[in-house]
């Protein structure tokens, strides 16, 4: 039996980066790209490398370019950490795993380290394959927490819950990470929203602007922990923007959403360092009349556009900058599609 499971990139539509700081966000997953994990029974347990895990290069320039694009670590560590954490979860919950072994491998065409949650997509797909192989059902909120623990506790990556919740649930999801919920029961309040209510969306990314989310979160975490009033004020504003966005969306006031997306980024710019290259993408998109903010930590932006003429203007403006522009195909909610959509 061959098990195949997928997970998709996510775009933070409003509220981020408040998700690691008891905030609120709305995000969506889209199926233009995916991470896939294949698992099948074998006599021994083996994790197979992907091209990202190679150590053979054409020359020193090739090595340097590879490190700029993918960092020093490939995806094997993600699979290995997920398998280990899954075993811990089973032991902690008194779940007995059968003694059959497997071989597992991954592939992903999600643009790497541009704020589309490519690493957590690999982990999500891996966890889905493991639960299928062992016949274990893990509740969705616990799945998201488990995926986050792989990154935070096993790999030391600073991150929030938004990406993992969005990828477990799929579709368009409103997330409330209020302190009383997180500290009281260990997870937030997650609600599906009707994606048909959204105006047209675009996603644009530039692969050479890769920057890990830990770069943003490590700085914010230190400032949050010392109660920096600028950071606390920004988080309060992102929470307010998220609730206003949700209310407008449900009321059908689509024309008012774009200014909230812009406000989200503008507030972020006041408390976070933004590179000129990333800022250039935002300015170019807004000059076309579209709204624009980061999908995550930088390297990719998301926003709303009015019509095909505006989308064409986005392509004409951004593509000469080395930026790819696409219309995201929203992935269906996992409760509708099943977790291996």
C-alpha atoms as a PDB file:
ATOM      1  CA  UNK A   1       0.000   0.000   0.000  1.00  0.00           C
ATOM      2  CA  UNK A   2       1.328   3.421  -0.997  1.00  0.00           C
ATOM      3  CA  UNK A   3       0.072   6.372   1.049  1.00  0.00           C
ATOM      4  CA  UNK A   4       0.213   9.861  -0.477  1.00  0.00           C
ATOM      5  CA  UNK A   5      -0.691  12.938   1.481  1.00  0.00           C
ATOM      6  CA  UNK A   6      -0.499  16.604   0.520  1.00  0.00           C
ATOM      7  CA  UNK A   7      -0.507  19.989   2.192  1.00  0.00           C
ATOM      8  CA  UNK A   8      -0.671  23.429   0.647  1.00  0.00           C
ATOM      9  CA  UNK A   9       0.949  26.840   1.058  1.00  0.00           C
ATOM     10  CA  UNK A  10      -0.885  29.408   3.114  1.00  0.00           C
ATOM     11  CA  UNK A  11      -1.228  33.156   2.800  1.00  0.00           C
ATOM     12  CA  UNK A  12      -1.927  35.286   5.844  1.00  0.00           C
ATOM     13  CA  UNK A  13      -4.675  37.609   4.678  1.00  0.00           C
ATOM     14  CA  UNK A  14      -5.046  39.804   7.762  1.00  0.00           C
ATOM     15  CA  UNK A  15      -3.761  39.954  11.330  1.00  0.00           C
ATOM     16  CA  UNK A  16      -0.298  38.453  11.013  1.00  0.00           C
ATOM     17  CA  UNK A  17       2.184  38.470  12.638  1.00  0.00           C
ATOM     18  CA  UNK A  18      -0.007  38.560  15.760  1.00  0.00           C
ATOM     19  CA  UNK A  19      -0.616  34.791  15.761  1.00  0.00           C
ATOM     20  CA  UNK A  20       2.324  34.003  18.032  1.00  0.00           C
ATOM     21  CA  UNK A  21       1.292  36.703  20.480  1.00  0.00           C
ATOM     22  CA  UNK A  22      -2.309  35.887  21.437  1.00  0.00           C
ATOM     23  CA  UNK A  23      -3.625  37.684  18.363  1.00  0.00           C
ATOM     24  CA  UNK A  24      -6.180  36.979  15.656  1.00  0.00           C
ATOM     25  CA  UNK A  25      -5.701  36.246  11.959  1.00  0.00           C
ATOM     26  CA  UNK A  26      -7.467  35.156   8.802  1.00  0.00           C
ATOM     27  CA  UNK A  27      -5.538  33.002   6.345  1.00  0.00           C
ATOM     28  CA  UNK A  28      -6.174  30.760   3.364  1.00  0.00           C
ATOM     29  CA  UNK A  29      -4.465  27.811   1.707  1.00  0.00           C
ATOM     30  CA  UNK A  30      -4.175  27.535  -2.051  1.00  0.00           C
ATOM     31  CA  UNK A  31      -3.435  24.603  -4.337  1.00  0.00           C
ATOM     32  CA  UNK A  32      -1.253  26.209  -7.014  1.00  0.00           C
ATOM     33  CA  UNK A  33       1.651  24.478  -5.234  1.00  0.00           C
ATOM     34  CA  UNK A  34       1.843  21.603  -2.770  1.00  0.00           C
ATOM     35  CA  UNK A  35       4.073  19.515  -0.560  1.00  0.00           C
ATOM     36  CA  UNK A  36       3.567  15.771  -0.940  1.00  0.00           C
ATOM     37  CA  UNK A  37       4.746  12.926   1.254  1.00  0.00           C
ATOM     38  CA  UNK A  38       4.767   9.333   0.046  1.00  0.00           C
ATOM     39  CA  UNK A  39       4.945   6.507   2.580  1.00  0.00           C
ATOM     40  CA  UNK A  40       4.971   2.751   1.987  1.00  0.00           C
ATOM     41  CA  UNK A  41       5.717  -0.318   4.078  1.00  0.00           C
ATOM     42  CA  UNK A  42       9.277  -1.684   3.982  1.00  0.00           C
ATOM     43  CA  UNK A  43      11.380  -4.021   6.160  1.00  0.00           C
ATOM     44  CA  UNK A  44      13.307  -1.118   7.707  1.00  0.00           C
ATOM     45  CA  UNK A  45      12.434   2.487   8.466  1.00  0.00           C
ATOM     46  CA  UNK A  46      14.087   4.784   5.933  1.00  0.00           C
ATOM     47  CA  UNK A  47      13.806   8.480   5.096  1.00  0.00           C
ATOM     48  CA  UNK A  48      14.778   9.231   1.512  1.00  0.00           C
ATOM     49  CA  UNK A  49      16.418  12.532   0.515  1.00  0.00           C
ATOM     50  CA  UNK A  50      14.963  15.072  -1.881  1.00  0.00           C
ATOM     51  CA  UNK A  51      16.986  17.245  -4.263  1.00  0.00           C
ATOM     52  CA  UNK A  52      17.047  19.908  -1.522  1.00  0.00           C
ATOM     53  CA  UNK A  53      19.044  17.502   0.636  1.00  0.00           C
ATOM     54  CA  UNK A  54      21.919  17.024  -1.801  1.00  0.00           C
ATOM     55  CA  UNK A  55      25.576  17.808  -1.022  1.00  0.00           C
ATOM     56  CA  UNK A  56      26.968  17.705  -4.568  1.00  0.00           C
ATOM     57  CA  UNK A  57      27.387  21.022  -6.406  1.00  0.00           C
ATOM     58  CA  UNK A  58      28.650  22.137  -9.809  1.00  0.00           C
ATOM     59  CA  UNK A  59      30.939  24.755  -8.290  1.00  0.00           C
ATOM     60  CA  UNK A  60      31.269  27.155  -5.356  1.00  0.00           C
ATOM     61  CA  UNK A  61      28.778  29.578  -6.900  1.00  0.00           C
ATOM     62  CA  UNK A  62      26.195  26.794  -7.146  1.00  0.00           C
ATOM     63  CA  UNK A  63      26.718  25.964  -3.455  1.00  0.00           C
ATOM     64  CA  UNK A  64      26.351  29.617  -2.430  1.00  0.00           C
ATOM     65  CA  UNK A  65      23.171  30.020  -4.506  1.00  0.00           C
ATOM     66  CA  UNK A  66      21.710  26.831  -3.020  1.00  0.00           C
ATOM     67  CA  UNK A  67      22.342  28.082   0.516  1.00  0.00           C
ATOM     68  CA  UNK A  68      20.736  31.451  -0.287  1.00  0.00           C
ATOM     69  CA  UNK A  69      17.640  29.711  -1.628  1.00  0.00           C
ATOM     70  CA  UNK A  70      17.225  26.797   0.779  1.00  0.00           C
ATOM     71  CA  UNK A  71      19.421  27.468   3.786  1.00  0.00           C
ATOM     72  CA  UNK A  72      21.804  24.921   5.229  1.00  0.00           C
ATOM     73  CA  UNK A  73      19.225  22.243   5.897  1.00  0.00           C
ATOM     74  CA  UNK A  74      16.917  20.332   3.605  1.00  0.00           C
ATOM     75  CA  UNK A  75      13.668  18.562   4.352  1.00  0.00           C
ATOM     76  CA  UNK A  76      14.974  15.336   5.894  1.00  0.00           C
ATOM     77  CA  UNK A  77      15.223  17.029   9.292  1.00  0.00           C
ATOM     78  CA  UNK A  78      11.531  18.007   8.970  1.00  0.00           C
ATOM     79  CA  UNK A  79      10.470  14.399   8.323  1.00  0.00           C
ATOM     80  CA  UNK A  80      12.757  13.001  11.000  1.00  0.00           C
ATOM     81  CA  UNK A  81      11.505  15.485  13.602  1.00  0.00           C
ATOM     82  CA  UNK A  82       7.869  14.815  12.650  1.00  0.00           C
ATOM     83  CA  UNK A  83       8.257  11.052  12.993  1.00  0.00           C
ATOM     84  CA  UNK A  84       9.947  11.496  16.363  1.00  0.00           C
ATOM     85  CA  UNK A  85       7.300  13.927  17.613  1.00  0.00           C
ATOM     86  CA  UNK A  86       4.479  11.683  16.366  1.00  0.00           C
ATOM     87  CA  UNK A  87       5.948   8.788  18.347  1.00  0.00           C
ATOM     88  CA  UNK A  88       6.132  11.041  21.429  1.00  0.00           C
ATOM     89  CA  UNK A  89       2.466  11.991  20.927  1.00  0.00           C
ATOM     90  CA  UNK A  90       1.430   8.349  20.723  1.00  0.00           C
ATOM     91  CA  UNK A  91       3.396   7.435  23.858  1.00  0.00           C
ATOM     92  CA  UNK A  92       2.058  10.392  25.802  1.00  0.00           C
ATOM     93  CA  UNK A  93      -1.532   9.489  24.920  1.00  0.00           C
ATOM     94  CA  UNK A  94      -1.214   5.751  25.523  1.00  0.00           C
ATOM     95  CA  UNK A  95      -1.556   4.902  21.827  1.00  0.00           C
ATOM     96  CA  UNK A  96       0.146   1.657  20.847  1.00  0.00           C
ATOM     97  CA  UNK A  97       1.744   1.791  17.403  1.00  0.00           C
ATOM     98  CA  UNK A  98       2.039  -1.367  15.298  1.00  0.00           C
ATOM     99  CA  UNK A  99       5.577  -2.620  14.614  1.00  0.00           C
ATOM    100  CA  UNK A 100       5.601  -2.409  10.815  1.00  0.00           C
ATOM    101  CA  UNK A 101       8.230  -0.162   9.225  1.00  0.00           C
ATOM    102  CA  UNK A 102       8.076   2.217   6.306  1.00  0.00           C
ATOM    103  CA  UNK A 103      10.010   4.263   3.817  1.00  0.00           C
ATOM    104  CA  UNK A 104       9.051   7.894   3.494  1.00  0.00           C
ATOM    105  CA  UNK A 105       9.995  10.641   1.063  1.00  0.00           C
ATOM    106  CA  UNK A 106       8.799  14.121   0.256  1.00  0.00           C
ATOM    107  CA  UNK A 107       8.583  16.525  -2.645  1.00  0.00           C
ATOM    108  CA  UNK A 108       7.525  20.164  -2.726  1.00  0.00           C
ATOM    109  CA  UNK A 109       7.196  22.882  -5.323  1.00  0.00           C
ATOM    110  CA  UNK A 110       6.177  25.522  -2.764  1.00  0.00           C
ATOM    111  CA  UNK A 111       8.536  28.489  -3.151  1.00  0.00           C
ATOM    112  CA  UNK A 112      11.006  28.164  -0.305  1.00  0.00           C
ATOM    113  CA  UNK A 113      11.387  30.672   2.556  1.00  0.00           C
ATOM    114  CA  UNK A 114       9.228  33.420   1.049  1.00  0.00           C
ATOM    115  CA  UNK A 115       6.495  33.410   3.684  1.00  0.00           C
ATOM    116  CA  UNK A 116       4.234  30.710   2.209  1.00  0.00           C
ATOM    117  CA  UNK A 117       4.787  28.153   5.017  1.00  0.00           C
ATOM    118  CA  UNK A 118       6.574  25.601   2.859  1.00  0.00           C
ATOM    119  CA  UNK A 119       8.313  23.864   5.761  1.00  0.00           C
ATOM    120  CA  UNK A 120       5.153  23.407   7.818  1.00  0.00           C
ATOM    121  CA  UNK A 121       3.419  22.084   4.685  1.00  0.00           C
ATOM    122  CA  UNK A 122       5.983  19.258   4.515  1.00  0.00           C
ATOM    123  CA  UNK A 123       5.434  18.526   8.210  1.00  0.00           C
ATOM    124  CA  UNK A 124       1.641  18.596   7.783  1.00  0.00           C
ATOM    125  CA  UNK A 125       1.764  16.186   4.836  1.00  0.00           C
ATOM    126  CA  UNK A 126       4.121  13.911   6.798  1.00  0.00           C
ATOM    127  CA  UNK A 127       1.827  13.851   9.842  1.00  0.00           C
ATOM    128  CA  UNK A 128      -1.149  13.013   7.612  1.00  0.00           C
ATOM    129  CA  UNK A 129       0.774  10.108   6.091  1.00  0.00           C
ATOM    130  CA  UNK A 130       1.808   8.807   9.515  1.00  0.00           C
ATOM    131  CA  UNK A 131      -1.721   8.936  10.926  1.00  0.00           C
ATOM    132  CA  UNK A 132      -2.972   7.058   7.866  1.00  0.00           C
ATOM    133  CA  UNK A 133      -0.252   4.401   8.127  1.00  0.00           C
ATOM    134  CA  UNK A 134      -0.897   3.791  11.819  1.00  0.00           C
ATOM    135  CA  UNK A 135      -4.669   4.249  11.624  1.00  0.00           C
ATOM    136  CA  UNK A 136      -4.739   7.020  14.213  1.00  0.00           C
ATOM    137  CA  UNK A 137      -7.114   9.988  14.252  1.00  0.00           C
ATOM    138  CA  UNK A 138      -5.622  13.157  15.751  1.00  0.00           C
ATOM    139  CA  UNK A 139      -8.152  15.976  16.356  1.00  0.00           C
ATOM    140  CA  UNK A 140      -7.510  18.996  14.139  1.00  0.00           C
ATOM    141  CA  UNK A 141      -6.534  21.419  16.947  1.00  0.00           C
ATOM    142  CA  UNK A 142      -4.070  18.851  18.297  1.00  0.00           C
ATOM    143  CA  UNK A 143      -2.643  18.314  14.820  1.00  0.00           C
ATOM    144  CA  UNK A 144      -1.848  22.010  14.529  1.00  0.00           C
ATOM    145  CA  UNK A 145      -0.224  22.031  17.975  1.00  0.00           C
ATOM    146  CA  UNK A 146       1.753  18.896  17.152  1.00  0.00           C
ATOM    147  CA  UNK A 147       3.051  20.405  13.909  1.00  0.00           C
ATOM    148  CA  UNK A 148       4.078  23.571  15.732  1.00  0.00           C
ATOM    149  CA  UNK A 149       5.885  21.514  18.370  1.00  0.00           C
ATOM    150  CA  UNK A 150       7.939  19.834  15.644  1.00  0.00           C
ATOM    151  CA  UNK A 151       9.299  23.208  14.629  1.00  0.00           C
ATOM    152  CA  UNK A 152       9.497  24.915  18.009  1.00  0.00           C
ATOM    153  CA  UNK A 153      10.560  22.118  20.329  1.00  0.00           C
ATOM    154  CA  UNK A 154      12.418  19.735  18.030  1.00  0.00           C
ATOM    155  CA  UNK A 155      14.032  22.179  15.600  1.00  0.00           C
ATOM    156  CA  UNK A 156      14.135  25.409  17.586  1.00  0.00           C
ATOM    157  CA  UNK A 157      12.261  27.458  14.986  1.00  0.00           C
ATOM    158  CA  UNK A 158      10.311  30.465  16.269  1.00  0.00           C
ATOM    159  CA  UNK A 159       6.808  30.419  14.814  1.00  0.00           C
ATOM    160  CA  UNK A 160       3.119  30.855  15.586  1.00  0.00           C
ATOM    161  CA  UNK A 161       0.083  28.640  15.174  1.00  0.00           C
ATOM    162  CA  UNK A 162      -1.479  30.370  12.159  1.00  0.00           C
ATOM    163  CA  UNK A 163       0.355  28.437   9.432  1.00  0.00           C
ATOM    164  CA  UNK A 164      -0.301  25.053  11.006  1.00  0.00           C
ATOM    165  CA  UNK A 165      -3.976  25.740  11.703  1.00  0.00           C
ATOM    166  CA  UNK A 166      -4.507  27.022   8.158  1.00  0.00           C
ATOM    167  CA  UNK A 167      -2.810  23.974   6.635  1.00  0.00           C
ATOM    168  CA  UNK A 168      -4.625  21.453   8.823  1.00  0.00           C
ATOM    169  CA  UNK A 169      -8.056  23.014   8.270  1.00  0.00           C
ATOM    170  CA  UNK A 170      -7.506  24.346   4.722  1.00  0.00           C
ATOM    171  CA  UNK A 171      -9.846  26.784   2.991  1.00  0.00           C
ATOM    172  CA  UNK A 172     -10.375  30.257   4.474  1.00  0.00           C
ATOM    173  CA  UNK A 173     -10.019  30.222   8.263  1.00  0.00           C
ATOM    174  CA  UNK A 174     -10.539  32.822  10.991  1.00  0.00           C
ATOM    175  CA  UNK A 175      -8.311  32.160  14.004  1.00  0.00           C
ATOM    176  CA  UNK A 176      -8.578  33.578  17.503  1.00  0.00           C
ATOM    177  CA  UNK A 177      -5.483  32.894  19.626  1.00  0.00           C
ATOM    178  CA  UNK A 178      -6.622  34.829  22.691  1.00  0.00           C
ATOM    179  CA  UNK A 179      -4.529  34.252  25.788  1.00  0.00           C
ATOM    180  CA  UNK A 180      -7.405  32.768  27.793  1.00  0.00           C
ATOM    181  CA  UNK A 181      -7.983  30.152  25.075  1.00  0.00           C
ATOM    182  CA  UNK A 182      -4.342  29.253  24.483  1.00  0.00           C
ATOM    183  CA  UNK A 183      -3.412  29.115  28.158  1.00  0.00           C
ATOM    184  CA  UNK A 184      -6.740  27.624  29.221  1.00  0.00           C
ATOM    185  CA  UNK A 185      -7.201  24.749  26.778  1.00  0.00           C
ATOM    186  CA  UNK A 186      -4.068  24.834  24.651  1.00  0.00           C
ATOM    187  CA  UNK A 187      -5.554  25.972  21.339  1.00  0.00           C
ATOM    188  CA  UNK A 188      -7.581  28.806  19.868  1.00  0.00           C
ATOM    189  CA  UNK A 189     -10.992  29.201  18.290  1.00  0.00           C
ATOM    190  CA  UNK A 190     -10.952  28.307  14.595  1.00  0.00           C
ATOM    191  CA  UNK A 191     -13.804  29.098  12.228  1.00  0.00           C
ATOM    192  CA  UNK A 192     -14.309  28.446   8.529  1.00  0.00           C
ATOM    193  CA  UNK A 193     -15.331  31.448   6.444  1.00  0.00           C
ATOM    194  CA  UNK A 194     -17.008  31.263   3.049  1.00  0.00           C
ATOM    195  CA  UNK A 195     -14.279  31.877   0.474  1.00  0.00           C
ATOM    196  CA  UNK A 196     -16.935  32.859  -2.081  1.00  0.00           C
ATOM    197  CA  UNK A 197     -17.346  36.108  -0.147  1.00  0.00           C
ATOM    198  CA  UNK A 198     -13.821  37.206  -1.048  1.00  0.00           C
ATOM    199  CA  UNK A 199     -13.051  39.596  -3.884  1.00  0.00           C
ATOM    200  CA  UNK A 200     -10.405  38.497  -6.427  1.00  0.00           C
ATOM    201  CA  UNK A 201      -7.054  37.755  -4.787  1.00  0.00           C
ATOM    202  CA  UNK A 202      -3.521  37.663  -6.110  1.00  0.00           C
ATOM    203  CA  UNK A 203      -0.314  36.270  -4.621  1.00  0.00           C
ATOM    204  CA  UNK A 204       3.106  37.440  -5.788  1.00  0.00           C
ATOM    205  CA  UNK A 205       6.525  36.234  -4.689  1.00  0.00           C
ATOM    206  CA  UNK A 206      10.185  36.732  -5.387  1.00  0.00           C
ATOM    207  CA  UNK A 207      12.330  33.682  -4.709  1.00  0.00           C
ATOM    208  CA  UNK A 208      15.518  35.610  -4.037  1.00  0.00           C
ATOM    209  CA  UNK A 209      13.973  37.475  -1.101  1.00  0.00           C
ATOM    210  CA  UNK A 210      13.914  34.365   1.053  1.00  0.00           C
ATOM    211  CA  UNK A 211      13.918  35.075   4.781  1.00  0.00           C
ATOM    212  CA  UNK A 212      12.937  32.593   7.468  1.00  0.00           C
ATOM    213  CA  UNK A 213      10.037  33.482   9.751  1.00  0.00           C
ATOM    214  CA  UNK A 214      12.373  33.102  12.720  1.00  0.00           C
ATOM    215  CA  UNK A 215      14.102  36.333  11.652  1.00  0.00           C
ATOM    216  CA  UNK A 216      10.873  38.259  12.245  1.00  0.00           C
ATOM    217  CA  UNK A 217       9.578  36.269  15.196  1.00  0.00           C
ATOM    218  CA  UNK A 218      12.820  36.236  17.172  1.00  0.00           C
ATOM    219  CA  UNK A 219      12.901  40.044  17.191  1.00  0.00           C
ATOM    220  CA  UNK A 220       9.199  40.416  17.969  1.00  0.00           C
ATOM    221  CA  UNK A 221       9.364  37.755  20.673  1.00  0.00           C
ATOM    222  CA  UNK A 222      12.088  39.545  22.567  1.00  0.00           C
ATOM    223  CA  UNK A 223      10.223  42.849  22.349  1.00  0.00           C
ATOM    224  CA  UNK A 224       6.912  41.218  23.278  1.00  0.00           C
ATOM    225  CA  UNK A 225       8.456  39.493  26.284  1.00  0.00           C
ATOM    226  CA  UNK A 226       9.708  42.796  27.631  1.00  0.00           C
ATOM    227  CA  UNK A 227       6.296  44.419  26.996  1.00  0.00           C
ATOM    228  CA  UNK A 228       7.519  46.839  24.361  1.00  0.00           C
ATOM    229  CA  UNK A 229       4.555  49.266  24.051  1.00  0.00           C
ATOM    230  CA  UNK A 230       5.057  49.653  20.290  1.00  0.00           C
ATOM    231  CA  UNK A 231       4.771  45.896  19.750  1.00  0.00           C
ATOM    232  CA  UNK A 232       1.837  45.496  22.134  1.00  0.00           C
ATOM    233  CA  UNK A 233       0.062  48.366  20.405  1.00  0.00           C
ATOM    234  CA  UNK A 234       0.682  46.818  16.972  1.00  0.00           C
ATOM    235  CA  UNK A 235      -0.705  43.469  18.114  1.00  0.00           C
ATOM    236  CA  UNK A 236      -3.837  45.172  19.418  1.00  0.00           C
ATOM    237  CA  UNK A 237      -4.226  46.914  16.073  1.00  0.00           C
ATOM    238  CA  UNK A 238      -3.783  43.672  14.101  1.00  0.00           C
ATOM    239  CA  UNK A 239      -6.447  42.033  16.266  1.00  0.00           C
ATOM    240  CA  UNK A 240      -8.823  44.917  15.585  1.00  0.00           C
ATOM    241  CA  UNK A 241      -8.123  44.801  11.844  1.00  0.00           C
ATOM    242  CA  UNK A 242      -8.893  41.080  11.790  1.00  0.00           C
ATOM    243  CA  UNK A 243     -12.248  41.463  13.500  1.00  0.00           C
ATOM    244  CA  UNK A 244     -13.166  44.408  11.261  1.00  0.00           C
ATOM    245  CA  UNK A 245     -12.171  42.415   8.171  1.00  0.00           C
ATOM    246  CA  UNK A 246     -14.320  39.469   9.235  1.00  0.00           C
ATOM    247  CA  UNK A 247     -17.332  41.693   9.929  1.00  0.00           C
ATOM    248  CA  UNK A 248     -17.031  43.474   6.574  1.00  0.00           C
ATOM    249  CA  UNK A 249     -16.584  40.178   4.738  1.00  0.00           C
ATOM    250  CA  UNK A 250     -19.694  38.678   6.298  1.00  0.00           C
ATOM    251  CA  UNK A 251     -21.647  41.869   5.562  1.00  0.00           C
ATOM    252  CA  UNK A 252     -20.644  41.697   1.898  1.00  0.00           C
ATOM    253  CA  UNK A 253     -18.700  44.974   2.019  1.00  0.00           C
ATOM    254  CA  UNK A 254     -15.880  43.726  -0.194  1.00  0.00           C
ATOM    255  CA  UNK A 255     -14.814  47.169  -1.398  1.00  0.00           C
ATOM    256  CA  UNK A 256     -13.684  48.127   2.099  1.00  0.00           C
ATOM    257  CA  UNK A 257     -11.388  45.140   2.677  1.00  0.00           C
ATOM    258  CA  UNK A 258      -8.407  46.355   0.702  1.00  0.00           C
ATOM    259  CA  UNK A 259      -7.721  49.322   2.955  1.00  0.00           C
ATOM    260  CA  UNK A 260      -7.544  46.988   5.961  1.00  0.00           C
ATOM    261  CA  UNK A 261      -4.965  44.815   4.190  1.00  0.00           C
ATOM    262  CA  UNK A 262      -2.895  47.919   3.496  1.00  0.00           C
ATOM    263  CA  UNK A 263      -3.276  49.087   7.083  1.00  0.00           C
ATOM    264  CA  UNK A 264      -2.041  45.699   8.325  1.00  0.00           C
ATOM    265  CA  UNK A 265       1.241  46.075   6.428  1.00  0.00           C
ATOM    266  CA  UNK A 266       1.623  49.766   7.248  1.00  0.00           C
ATOM    267  CA  UNK A 267       1.371  48.960  10.963  1.00  0.00           C
ATOM    268  CA  UNK A 268       3.872  46.164  10.550  1.00  0.00           C
ATOM    269  CA  UNK A 269       6.286  48.555   8.885  1.00  0.00           C
ATOM    270  CA  UNK A 270       6.210  50.753  11.985  1.00  0.00           C
ATOM    271  CA  UNK A 271       7.522  47.983  14.256  1.00  0.00           C
ATOM    272  CA  UNK A 272       9.492  45.657  11.925  1.00  0.00           C
ATOM    273  CA  UNK A 273      12.420  46.244   9.626  1.00  0.00           C
ATOM    274  CA  UNK A 274      11.354  45.860   5.984  1.00  0.00           C
ATOM    275  CA  UNK A 275      13.960  45.458   3.261  1.00  0.00           C
ATOM    276  CA  UNK A 276      13.867  47.837   0.305  1.00  0.00           C
ATOM    277  CA  UNK A 277      13.298  44.904  -2.074  1.00  0.00           C
ATOM    278  CA  UNK A 278      10.260  43.718  -0.131  1.00  0.00           C
ATOM    279  CA  UNK A 279       8.965  47.238   0.217  1.00  0.00           C
ATOM    280  CA  UNK A 280       9.388  47.671  -3.536  1.00  0.00           C
ATOM    281  CA  UNK A 281       6.951  44.819  -4.206  1.00  0.00           C
ATOM    282  CA  UNK A 282       4.357  46.414  -1.937  1.00  0.00           C
ATOM    283  CA  UNK A 283       4.738  49.834  -3.553  1.00  0.00           C
ATOM    284  CA  UNK A 284       4.574  48.454  -7.092  1.00  0.00           C
ATOM    285  CA  UNK A 285       1.393  46.486  -6.361  1.00  0.00           C
ATOM    286  CA  UNK A 286      -0.298  49.462  -4.699  1.00  0.00           C
ATOM    287  CA  UNK A 287       0.684  51.708  -7.603  1.00  0.00           C
ATOM    288  CA  UNK A 288      -1.490  49.443  -9.776  1.00  0.00           C
ATOM    289  CA  UNK A 289      -4.462  50.077  -7.482  1.00  0.00           C
ATOM    290  CA  UNK A 290      -4.262  46.734  -5.674  1.00  0.00           C
ATOM    291  CA  UNK A 291      -3.943  46.260  -1.934  1.00  0.00           C
ATOM    292  CA  UNK A 292      -0.792  44.559  -0.658  1.00  0.00           C
ATOM    293  CA  UNK A 293       0.720  43.048   2.475  1.00  0.00           C
ATOM    294  CA  UNK A 294       3.069  40.163   3.290  1.00  0.00           C
ATOM    295  CA  UNK A 295       1.669  36.639   3.180  1.00  0.00           C
ATOM    296  CA  UNK A 296       4.012  35.782   6.027  1.00  0.00           C
ATOM    297  CA  UNK A 297       7.534  36.848   6.901  1.00  0.00           C
ATOM    298  CA  UNK A 298       8.478  38.499   3.611  1.00  0.00           C
ATOM    299  CA  UNK A 299       9.292  37.508   0.063  1.00  0.00           C
ATOM    300  CA  UNK A 300       5.646  37.068  -0.929  1.00  0.00           C
ATOM    301  CA  UNK A 301       2.705  39.455  -0.891  1.00  0.00           C
ATOM    302  CA  UNK A 302      -1.049  39.051  -1.070  1.00  0.00           C
ATOM    303  CA  UNK A 303      -3.817  41.445  -1.858  1.00  0.00           C
ATOM    304  CA  UNK A 304      -7.020  42.172  -3.731  1.00  0.00           C
ATOM    305  CA  UNK A 305      -7.478  43.536  -7.223  1.00  0.00           C
ATOM    306  CA  UNK A 306     -10.519  44.939  -8.988  1.00  0.00           C
ATOM    307  CA  UNK A 307     -10.570  43.239 -12.397  1.00  0.00           C
ATOM    308  CA  UNK A 308      -8.514  41.496 -15.076  1.00  0.00           C
ATOM    309  CA  UNK A 309      -7.115  44.808 -16.287  1.00  0.00           C
ATOM    310  CA  UNK A 310      -5.670  45.465 -12.829  1.00  0.00           C
ATOM    311  CA  UNK A 311      -4.274  41.938 -12.627  1.00  0.00           C
ATOM    312  CA  UNK A 312      -2.566  42.455 -15.989  1.00  0.00           C
ATOM    313  CA  UNK A 313      -1.125  45.705 -14.634  1.00  0.00           C
ATOM    314  CA  UNK A 314       0.238  43.792 -11.637  1.00  0.00           C
ATOM    315  CA  UNK A 315       1.966  41.352 -13.975  1.00  0.00           C
ATOM    316  CA  UNK A 316       3.439  44.161 -16.091  1.00  0.00           C
ATOM    317  CA  UNK A 317       4.702  45.988 -13.018  1.00  0.00           C
ATOM    318  CA  UNK A 318       5.987  43.101 -10.901  1.00  0.00           C
ATOM    319  CA  UNK A 319       7.367  40.573 -13.369  1.00  0.00           C
ATOM    320  CA  UNK A 320      10.221  42.852 -14.563  1.00  0.00           C
ATOM    321  CA  UNK A 321      11.289  42.948 -10.878  1.00  0.00           C
ATOM    322  CA  UNK A 322      11.659  39.155 -10.912  1.00  0.00           C
ATOM    323  CA  UNK A 323       8.332  38.695  -9.124  1.00  0.00           C
ATOM    324  CA  UNK A 324       5.923  35.919 -10.099  1.00  0.00           C
ATOM    325  CA  UNK A 325       2.205  36.818  -9.920  1.00  0.00           C
ATOM    326  CA  UNK A 326      -0.631  34.303  -9.715  1.00  0.00           C
ATOM    327  CA  UNK A 327      -4.305  33.936  -8.984  1.00  0.00           C
ATOM    328  CA  UNK A 328      -4.511  31.553  -6.021  1.00  0.00           C
ATOM    329  CA  UNK A 329      -6.835  28.551  -6.277  1.00  0.00           C
ATOM    330  CA  UNK A 330      -8.158  28.204  -2.752  1.00  0.00           C
ATOM    331  CA  UNK A 331      -7.889  24.675  -1.404  1.00  0.00           C
ATOM    332  CA  UNK A 332     -11.188  23.241  -0.139  1.00  0.00           C
ATOM    333  CA  UNK A 333     -11.659  22.886   3.625  1.00  0.00           C
ATOM    334  CA  UNK A 334     -10.244  19.595   4.883  1.00  0.00           C
ATOM    335  CA  UNK A 335     -13.628  18.738   6.425  1.00  0.00           C
ATOM    336  CA  UNK A 336     -15.001  18.707   2.871  1.00  0.00           C
ATOM    337  CA  UNK A 337     -12.089  17.322   0.880  1.00  0.00           C
ATOM    338  CA  UNK A 338     -10.542  14.912   3.360  1.00  0.00           C
ATOM    339  CA  UNK A 339      -7.079  15.464   4.727  1.00  0.00           C
ATOM    340  CA  UNK A 340      -5.280  14.101   1.651  1.00  0.00           C
ATOM    341  CA  UNK A 341      -6.788  16.530  -0.846  1.00  0.00           C
END
